[in-house]
Amino acid sequence: MTINLPLDPELTGLLQMFDKPVPDTAWELIVLELYRQGKISSGKAAELLGIERVAFLQYASRLGIPFFDMTDEEWQAEVEQVRKP
């Protein structure tokens, strides 16, 4: 499916700073945001971007998108679970 999406010239200019074609940059940013929101898995994101999962995780990490996104309470529950005999 192809969608024509009108973009403000200022936004287009910003997307051109990525040194890639604007549609490629937009695609990548959409995939990264879907992953960041937890809507798709890292494996699906990697597949959509055409890269290996580990490479995607490293890339997302460099962009500040965490692999683990837990609250302090969730992390403490995990730690307690691991410490149980």
PDB file of N, CA and C in Angstrom:
ATOM      1  N   MET A   1       0.846  -1.168   0.000  1.00  0.00           N
ATOM      2  CA  MET A   1       0.000   0.000   0.000  1.00  0.00           C
ATOM      3  C   MET A   1       0.895   1.237   0.000  1.00  0.00           C
ATOM      4  N   THR A   2       0.520   2.190  -0.767  1.00  0.00           N
ATOM      5  CA  THR A   2       1.228   3.462  -0.811  1.00  0.00           C
ATOM      6  C   THR A   2       0.306   4.551  -0.305  1.00  0.00           C
ATOM      7  N   ILE A   3       0.836   5.380   0.564  1.00  0.00           N
ATOM      8  CA  ILE A   3       0.075   6.492   1.119  1.00  0.00           C
ATOM      9  C   ILE A   3       0.808   7.781   0.771  1.00  0.00           C
ATOM     10  N   ASN A   4       0.108   8.716   0.189  1.00  0.00           N
ATOM     11  CA  ASN A   4       0.680  10.040  -0.065  1.00  0.00           C
ATOM     12  C   ASN A   4       0.379  10.909   1.135  1.00  0.00           C
ATOM     13  N   LEU A   5       1.423  11.368   1.774  1.00  0.00           N
ATOM     14  CA  LEU A   5       1.274  12.152   2.990  1.00  0.00           C
ATOM     15  C   LEU A   5       1.906  13.522   2.778  1.00  0.00           C
ATOM     16  N   PRO A   6       1.108  14.570   2.759  1.00  0.00           N
ATOM     17  CA  PRO A   6       1.689  15.895   2.579  1.00  0.00           C
ATOM     18  C   PRO A   6       2.511  16.274   3.813  1.00  0.00           C
ATOM     19  N   LEU A   7       3.720  16.761   3.581  1.00  0.00           N
ATOM     20  CA  LEU A   7       4.596  17.172   4.673  1.00  0.00           C
ATOM     21  C   LEU A   7       4.915  18.650   4.548  1.00  0.00           C
ATOM     22  N   ASP A   8       4.920  19.309   5.663  1.00  0.00           N
ATOM     23  CA  ASP A   8       5.311  20.703   5.722  1.00  0.00           C
ATOM     24  C   ASP A   8       6.754  20.832   5.223  1.00  0.00           C
ATOM     25  N   PRO A   9       7.075  21.861   4.450  1.00  0.00           N
ATOM     26  CA  PRO A   9       8.443  22.024   3.950  1.00  0.00           C
ATOM     27  C   PRO A   9       9.496  22.039   5.058  1.00  0.00           C
ATOM     28  N   GLU A  10       9.141  22.587   6.205  1.00  0.00           N
ATOM     29  CA  GLU A  10      10.099  22.597   7.324  1.00  0.00           C
ATOM     30  C   GLU A  10      10.400  21.174   7.796  1.00  0.00           C
ATOM     31  N   LEU A  11       9.365  20.352   7.897  1.00  0.00           N
ATOM     32  CA  LEU A  11       9.559  18.962   8.301  1.00  0.00           C
ATOM     33  C   LEU A  11      10.355  18.206   7.251  1.00  0.00           C
ATOM     34  N   THR A  12      10.056  18.434   5.995  1.00  0.00           N
ATOM     35  CA  THR A  12      10.805  17.789   4.912  1.00  0.00           C
ATOM     36  C   THR A  12      12.280  18.158   5.003  1.00  0.00           C
ATOM     37  N   GLY A  13      12.549  19.431   5.262  1.00  0.00           N
ATOM     38  CA  GLY A  13      13.929  19.872   5.416  1.00  0.00           C
ATOM     39  C   GLY A  13      14.626  19.168   6.563  1.00  0.00           C
ATOM     40  N   LEU A  14      13.920  18.995   7.668  1.00  0.00           N
ATOM     41  CA  LEU A  14      14.502  18.283   8.803  1.00  0.00           C
ATOM     42  C   LEU A  14      14.785  16.821   8.459  1.00  0.00           C
ATOM     43  N   LEU A  15      13.857  16.185   7.765  1.00  0.00           N
ATOM     44  CA  LEU A  15      14.050  14.785   7.391  1.00  0.00           C
ATOM     45  C   LEU A  15      15.200  14.622   6.398  1.00  0.00           C
ATOM     46  N   GLN A  16      15.478  15.631   5.593  1.00  0.00           N
ATOM     47  CA  GLN A  16      16.583  15.565   4.640  1.00  0.00           C
ATOM     48  C   GLN A  16      17.940  15.608   5.340  1.00  0.00           C
ATOM     49  N   MET A  17      17.980  16.065   6.578  1.00  0.00           N
ATOM     50  CA  MET A  17      19.241  16.115   7.332  1.00  0.00           C
ATOM     51  C   MET A  17      19.781  14.723   7.644  1.00  0.00           C
ATOM     52  N   PHE A  18      18.977  13.692   7.484  1.00  0.00           N
ATOM     53  CA  PHE A  18      19.401  12.333   7.797  1.00  0.00           C
ATOM     54  C   PHE A  18      20.230  11.709   6.679  1.00  0.00           C
ATOM     55  N   ASP A  19      20.453  12.431   5.595  1.00  0.00           N
ATOM     56  CA  ASP A  19      21.256  11.950   4.466  1.00  0.00           C
ATOM     57  C   ASP A  19      20.720  10.666   3.848  1.00  0.00           C
ATOM     58  N   LYS A  20      19.409  10.523   3.875  1.00  0.00           N
ATOM     59  CA  LYS A  20      18.724   9.410   3.225  1.00  0.00           C
ATOM     60  C   LYS A  20      17.518   9.992   2.522  1.00  0.00           C
ATOM     61  N   PRO A  21      16.969   9.266   1.573  1.00  0.00           N
ATOM     62  CA  PRO A  21      15.726   9.753   0.970  1.00  0.00           C
ATOM     63  C   PRO A  21      14.648   9.944   2.048  1.00  0.00           C
ATOM     64  N   VAL A  22      13.871  10.992   1.927  1.00  0.00           N
ATOM     65  CA  VAL A  22      12.846  11.319   2.924  1.00  0.00           C
ATOM     66  C   VAL A  22      11.909  10.142   3.201  1.00  0.00           C
ATOM     67  N   PRO A  23      11.421   9.415   2.177  1.00  0.00           N
ATOM     68  CA  PRO A  23      10.544   8.274   2.489  1.00  0.00           C
ATOM     69  C   PRO A  23      11.241   7.207   3.343  1.00  0.00           C
ATOM     70  N   ASP A  24      12.528   6.963   3.103  1.00  0.00           N
ATOM     71  CA  ASP A  24      13.265   5.977   3.903  1.00  0.00           C
ATOM     72  C   ASP A  24      13.393   6.440   5.349  1.00  0.00           C
ATOM     73  N   THR A  25      13.695   7.724   5.533  1.00  0.00           N
ATOM     74  CA  THR A  25      13.818   8.267   6.883  1.00  0.00           C
ATOM     75  C   THR A  25      12.482   8.202   7.606  1.00  0.00           C
ATOM     76  N   ALA A  26      11.408   8.567   6.921  1.00  0.00           N
ATOM     77  CA  ALA A  26      10.081   8.520   7.536  1.00  0.00           C
ATOM     78  C   ALA A  26       9.726   7.091   7.940  1.00  0.00           C
ATOM     79  N   TRP A  27      10.005   6.136   7.062  1.00  0.00           N
ATOM     80  CA  TRP A  27       9.734   4.722   7.347  1.00  0.00           C
ATOM     81  C   TRP A  27      10.478   4.290   8.609  1.00  0.00           C
ATOM     82  N   GLU A  28      11.767   4.615   8.670  1.00  0.00           N
ATOM     83  CA  GLU A  28      12.588   4.231   9.818  1.00  0.00           C
ATOM     84  C   GLU A  28      12.060   4.851  11.108  1.00  0.00           C
ATOM     85  N   LEU A  29      11.718   6.120  11.066  1.00  0.00           N
ATOM     86  CA  LEU A  29      11.216   6.790  12.263  1.00  0.00           C
ATOM     87  C   LEU A  29       9.887   6.205  12.722  1.00  0.00           C
ATOM     88  N   ILE A  30       9.037   5.838  11.780  1.00  0.00           N
ATOM     89  CA  ILE A  30       7.758   5.203  12.133  1.00  0.00           C
ATOM     90  C   ILE A  30       8.014   3.861  12.810  1.00  0.00           C
ATOM     91  N   VAL A  31       8.892   3.055  12.241  1.00  0.00           N
ATOM     92  CA  VAL A  31       9.197   1.740  12.823  1.00  0.00           C
ATOM     93  C   VAL A  31       9.801   1.901  14.217  1.00  0.00           C
ATOM     94  N   LEU A  32      10.743   2.827  14.366  1.00  0.00           N
ATOM     95  CA  LEU A  32      11.361   3.052  15.675  1.00  0.00           C
ATOM     96  C   LEU A  32      10.330   3.487  16.714  1.00  0.00           C
ATOM     97  N   GLU A  33       9.419   4.351  16.314  1.00  0.00           N
ATOM     98  CA  GLU A  33       8.400   4.812  17.261  1.00  0.00           C
ATOM     99  C   GLU A  33       7.428   3.698  17.621  1.00  0.00           C
ATOM    100  N   LEU A  34       7.046   2.876  16.669  1.00  0.00           N
ATOM    101  CA  LEU A  34       6.177   1.729  16.976  1.00  0.00           C
ATOM    102  C   LEU A  34       6.863   0.781  17.966  1.00  0.00           C
ATOM    103  N   TYR A  35       8.156   0.571  17.786  1.00  0.00           N
ATOM    104  CA  TYR A  35       8.907  -0.269  18.716  1.00  0.00           C
ATOM    105  C   TYR A  35       8.991   0.395  20.091  1.00  0.00           C
ATOM    106  N   ARG A  36       9.319   1.684  20.107  1.00  0.00           N
ATOM    107  CA  ARG A  36       9.447   2.400  21.378  1.00  0.00           C
ATOM    108  C   ARG A  36       8.144   2.347  22.177  1.00  0.00           C
ATOM    109  N   GLN A  37       7.017   2.420  21.489  1.00  0.00           N
ATOM    110  CA  GLN A  37       5.712   2.369  22.149  1.00  0.00           C
ATOM    111  C   GLN A  37       5.292   0.948  22.515  1.00  0.00           C
ATOM    112  N   GLY A  38       6.070  -0.039  22.105  1.00  0.00           N
ATOM    113  CA  GLY A  38       5.723  -1.417  22.412  1.00  0.00           C
ATOM    114  C   GLY A  38       4.660  -1.998  21.503  1.00  0.00           C
ATOM    115  N   LYS A  39       4.415  -1.366  20.369  1.00  0.00           N
ATOM    116  CA  LYS A  39       3.395  -1.854  19.431  1.00  0.00           C
ATOM    117  C   LYS A  39       3.918  -3.001  18.568  1.00  0.00           C
ATOM    118  N   ILE A  40       5.240  -3.046  18.365  1.00  0.00           N
ATOM    119  CA  ILE A  40       5.857  -4.140  17.613  1.00  0.00           C
ATOM    120  C   ILE A  40       7.091  -4.612  18.372  1.00  0.00           C
ATOM    121  N   SER A  41       7.481  -5.848  18.130  1.00  0.00           N
ATOM    122  CA  SER A  41       8.652  -6.423  18.785  1.00  0.00           C
ATOM    123  C   SER A  41       9.926  -5.953  18.099  1.00  0.00           C
ATOM    124  N   SER A  42      11.041  -6.189  18.767  1.00  0.00           N
ATOM    125  CA  SER A  42      12.334  -5.843  18.162  1.00  0.00           C
ATOM    126  C   SER A  42      12.574  -6.686  16.916  1.00  0.00           C
ATOM    127  N   GLY A  43      12.119  -7.925  16.925  1.00  0.00           N
ATOM    128  CA  GLY A  43      12.268  -8.778  15.754  1.00  0.00           C
ATOM    129  C   GLY A  43      11.480  -8.252  14.564  1.00  0.00           C
ATOM    130  N   LYS A  44      10.253  -7.807  14.820  1.00  0.00           N
ATOM    131  CA  LYS A  44       9.422  -7.253  13.747  1.00  0.00           C
ATOM    132  C   LYS A  44      10.018  -5.938  13.246  1.00  0.00           C
ATOM    133  N   ALA A  45      10.496  -5.111  14.156  1.00  0.00           N
ATOM    134  CA  ALA A  45      11.117  -3.842  13.755  1.00  0.00           C
ATOM    135  C   ALA A  45      12.343  -4.104  12.881  1.00  0.00           C
ATOM    136  N   ALA A  46      13.159  -5.059  13.289  1.00  0.00           N
ATOM    137  CA  ALA A  46      14.342  -5.401  12.501  1.00  0.00           C
ATOM    138  C   ALA A  46      13.935  -5.893  11.113  1.00  0.00           C
ATOM    139  N   GLU A  47      12.927  -6.737  11.079  1.00  0.00           N
ATOM    140  CA  GLU A  47      12.431  -7.258   9.794  1.00  0.00           C
ATOM    141  C   GLU A  47      11.958  -6.122   8.892  1.00  0.00           C
ATOM    142  N   LEU A  48      11.189  -5.192   9.455  1.00  0.00           N
ATOM    143  CA  LEU A  48      10.674  -4.074   8.669  1.00  0.00           C
ATOM    144  C   LEU A  48      11.791  -3.169   8.144  1.00  0.00           C
ATOM    145  N   LEU A  49      12.893  -3.077   8.899  1.00  0.00           N
ATOM    146  CA  LEU A  49      14.019  -2.252   8.478  1.00  0.00           C
ATOM    147  C   LEU A  49      15.043  -3.028   7.655  1.00  0.00           C
ATOM    148  N   GLY A  50      14.845  -4.342   7.556  1.00  0.00           N
ATOM    149  CA  GLY A  50      15.744  -5.158   6.745  1.00  0.00           C
ATOM    150  C   GLY A  50      17.118  -5.356   7.356  1.00  0.00           C
ATOM    151  N   ILE A  51      17.165  -5.419   8.704  1.00  0.00           N
ATOM    152  CA  ILE A  51      18.440  -5.652   9.394  1.00  0.00           C
ATOM    153  C   ILE A  51      18.271  -6.778  10.407  1.00  0.00           C
ATOM    154  N   GLU A  52      19.384  -7.295  10.895  1.00  0.00           N
ATOM    155  CA  GLU A  52      19.350  -8.346  11.917  1.00  0.00           C
ATOM    156  C   GLU A  52      18.823  -7.767  13.227  1.00  0.00           C
ATOM    157  N   ARG A  53      18.204  -8.607  14.038  1.00  0.00           N
ATOM    158  CA  ARG A  53      17.615  -8.156  15.305  1.00  0.00           C
ATOM    159  C   ARG A  53      18.660  -7.533  16.223  1.00  0.00           C
ATOM    160  N   VAL A  54      19.817  -8.163  16.347  1.00  0.00           N
ATOM    161  CA  VAL A  54      20.866  -7.621  17.229  1.00  0.00           C
ATOM    162  C   VAL A  54      21.309  -6.247  16.743  1.00  0.00           C
ATOM    163  N   ALA A  55      21.454  -6.089  15.432  1.00  0.00           N
ATOM    164  CA  ALA A  55      21.840  -4.786  14.868  1.00  0.00           C
ATOM    165  C   ALA A  55      20.762  -3.745  15.171  1.00  0.00           C
ATOM    166  N   PHE A  56      19.496  -4.147  15.089  1.00  0.00           N
ATOM    167  CA  PHE A  56      18.420  -3.219  15.404  1.00  0.00           C
ATOM    168  C   PHE A  56      18.483  -2.805  16.868  1.00  0.00           C
ATOM    169  N   LEU A  57      18.664  -3.771  17.758  1.00  0.00           N
ATOM    170  CA  LEU A  57      18.722  -3.459  19.192  1.00  0.00           C
ATOM    171  C   LEU A  57      19.879  -2.509  19.497  1.00  0.00           C
ATOM    172  N   GLN A  58      21.014  -2.731  18.866  1.00  0.00           N
ATOM    173  CA  GLN A  58      22.159  -1.846  19.066  1.00  0.00           C
ATOM    174  C   GLN A  58      21.850  -0.444  18.549  1.00  0.00           C
ATOM    175  N   TYR A  59      21.239  -0.366  17.380  1.00  0.00           N
ATOM    176  CA  TYR A  59      20.884   0.916  16.788  1.00  0.00           C
ATOM    177  C   TYR A  59      19.879   1.658  17.661  1.00  0.00           C
ATOM    178  N   ALA A  60      18.828   0.962  18.078  1.00  0.00           N
ATOM    179  CA  ALA A  60      17.813   1.581  18.929  1.00  0.00           C
ATOM    180  C   ALA A  60      18.432   2.064  20.240  1.00  0.00           C
ATOM    181  N   SER A  61      19.334   1.273  20.788  1.00  0.00           N
ATOM    182  CA  SER A  61      20.008   1.654  22.026  1.00  0.00           C
ATOM    183  C   SER A  61      20.830   2.929  21.843  1.00  0.00           C
ATOM    184  N   ARG A  62      21.539   3.027  20.717  1.00  0.00           N
ATOM    185  CA  ARG A  62      22.316   4.245  20.438  1.00  0.00           C
ATOM    186  C   ARG A  62      21.410   5.469  20.325  1.00  0.00           C
ATOM    187  N   LEU A  63      20.171   5.246  19.905  1.00  0.00           N
ATOM    188  CA  LEU A  63      19.204   6.340  19.792  1.00  0.00           C
ATOM    189  C   LEU A  63      18.488   6.630  21.107  1.00  0.00           C
ATOM    190  N   GLY A  64      18.823   5.882  22.148  1.00  0.00           N
ATOM    191  CA  GLY A  64      18.222   6.103  23.458  1.00  0.00           C
ATOM    192  C   GLY A  64      16.920   5.374  23.684  1.00  0.00           C
ATOM    193  N   ILE A  65      16.627   4.386  22.845  1.00  0.00           N
ATOM    194  CA  ILE A  65      15.413   3.581  23.019  1.00  0.00           C
ATOM    195  C   ILE A  65      15.805   2.325  23.778  1.00  0.00           C
ATOM    196  N   PRO A  66      15.360   2.182  25.018  1.00  0.00           N
ATOM    197  CA  PRO A  66      15.796   1.055  25.843  1.00  0.00           C
ATOM    198  C   PRO A  66      15.207  -0.279  25.385  1.00  0.00           C
ATOM    199  N   PHE A  67      15.991  -1.333  25.584  1.00  0.00           N
ATOM    200  CA  PHE A  67      15.514  -2.684  25.299  1.00  0.00           C
ATOM    201  C   PHE A  67      14.524  -3.104  26.373  1.00  0.00           C
ATOM    202  N   PHE A  68      14.864  -2.795  27.628  1.00  0.00           N
ATOM    203  CA  PHE A  68      13.971  -3.077  28.752  1.00  0.00           C
ATOM    204  C   PHE A  68      13.310  -1.777  29.158  1.00  0.00           C
ATOM    205  N   ASP A  69      12.009  -1.806  29.315  1.00  0.00           N
ATOM    206  CA  ASP A  69      11.272  -0.619  29.721  1.00  0.00           C
ATOM    207  C   ASP A  69      10.379  -1.001  30.891  1.00  0.00           C
ATOM    208  N   MET A  70      11.004  -1.056  32.079  1.00  0.00           N
ATOM    209  CA  MET A  70      10.284  -1.480  33.281  1.00  0.00           C
ATOM    210  C   MET A  70      10.220  -0.335  34.278  1.00  0.00           C
ATOM    211  N   THR A  71       9.144  -0.316  35.034  1.00  0.00           N
ATOM    212  CA  THR A  71       9.071   0.622  36.148  1.00  0.00           C
ATOM    213  C   THR A  71       9.971   0.080  37.255  1.00  0.00           C
ATOM    214  N   ASP A  72      10.243   0.906  38.251  1.00  0.00           N
ATOM    215  CA  ASP A  72      11.049   0.453  39.387  1.00  0.00           C
ATOM    216  C   ASP A  72      10.383  -0.734  40.085  1.00  0.00           C
ATOM    217  N   GLU A  73       9.064  -0.683  40.184  1.00  0.00           N
ATOM    218  CA  GLU A  73       8.332  -1.766  40.847  1.00  0.00           C
ATOM    219  C   GLU A  73       8.451  -3.072  40.053  1.00  0.00           C
ATOM    220  N   GLU A  74       8.337  -2.974  38.728  1.00  0.00           N
ATOM    221  CA  GLU A  74       8.474  -4.173  37.890  1.00  0.00           C
ATOM    222  C   GLU A  74       9.880  -4.745  38.009  1.00  0.00           C
ATOM    223  N   TRP A  75      10.880  -3.870  38.029  1.00  0.00           N
ATOM    224  CA  TRP A  75      12.270  -4.326  38.151  1.00  0.00           C
ATOM    225  C   TRP A  75      12.482  -5.016  39.501  1.00  0.00           C
ATOM    226  N   GLN A  76      11.971  -4.441  40.573  1.00  0.00           N
ATOM    227  CA  GLN A  76      12.114  -5.048  41.896  1.00  0.00           C
ATOM    228  C   GLN A  76      11.428  -6.413  41.944  1.00  0.00           C
ATOM    229  N   ALA A  77      10.271  -6.541  41.332  1.00  0.00           N
ATOM    230  CA  ALA A  77       9.576  -7.827  41.279  1.00  0.00           C
ATOM    231  C   ALA A  77      10.405  -8.864  40.542  1.00  0.00           C
ATOM    232  N   GLU A  78      11.050  -8.462  39.441  1.00  0.00           N
ATOM    233  CA  GLU A  78      11.919  -9.378  38.697  1.00  0.00           C
ATOM    234  C   GLU A  78      13.109  -9.807  39.549  1.00  0.00           C
ATOM    235  N   VAL A  79      13.725  -8.860  40.233  1.00  0.00           N
ATOM    236  CA  VAL A  79      14.876  -9.160  41.095  1.00  0.00           C
ATOM    237  C   VAL A  79      14.468 -10.123  42.192  1.00  0.00           C
ATOM    238  N   GLU A  80      13.339  -9.861  42.821  1.00  0.00           N
ATOM    239  CA  GLU A  80      12.857 -10.746  43.889  1.00  0.00           C
ATOM    240  C   GLU A  80      12.573 -12.149  43.361  1.00  0.00           C
ATOM    241  N   GLN A  81      12.012 -12.231  42.184  1.00  0.00           N
ATOM    242  CA  GLN A  81      11.716 -13.536  41.580  1.00  0.00           C
ATOM    243  C   GLN A  81      12.994 -14.327  41.331  1.00  0.00           C
ATOM    244  N   VAL A  82      14.008 -13.654  40.856  1.00  0.00           N
ATOM    245  CA  VAL A  82      15.288 -14.319  40.566  1.00  0.00           C
ATOM    246  C   VAL A  82      15.968 -14.782  41.853  1.00  0.00           C
ATOM    247  N   ARG A  83      15.819 -14.033  42.925  1.00  0.00           N
ATOM    248  CA  ARG A  83      16.468 -14.355  44.200  1.00  0.00           C
ATOM    249  C   ARG A  83      15.785 -15.475  44.974  1.00  0.00           C
ATOM    250  N   LYS A  84      14.548 -15.818  44.582  1.00  0.00           N
ATOM    251  CA  LYS A  84      13.836 -16.888  45.293  1.00  0.00           C
ATOM    252  C   LYS A  84      14.549 -18.212  45.053  1.00  0.00           C
ATOM    253  N   PRO A  85      14.678 -18.999  46.135  1.00  0.00           N
ATOM    254  CA  PRO A  85      15.356 -20.314  45.976  1.00  0.00           C
ATOM    255  C   PRO A  85      14.550 -21.304  45.169  1.00  0.00           C
TER     256      PRO A  85
END
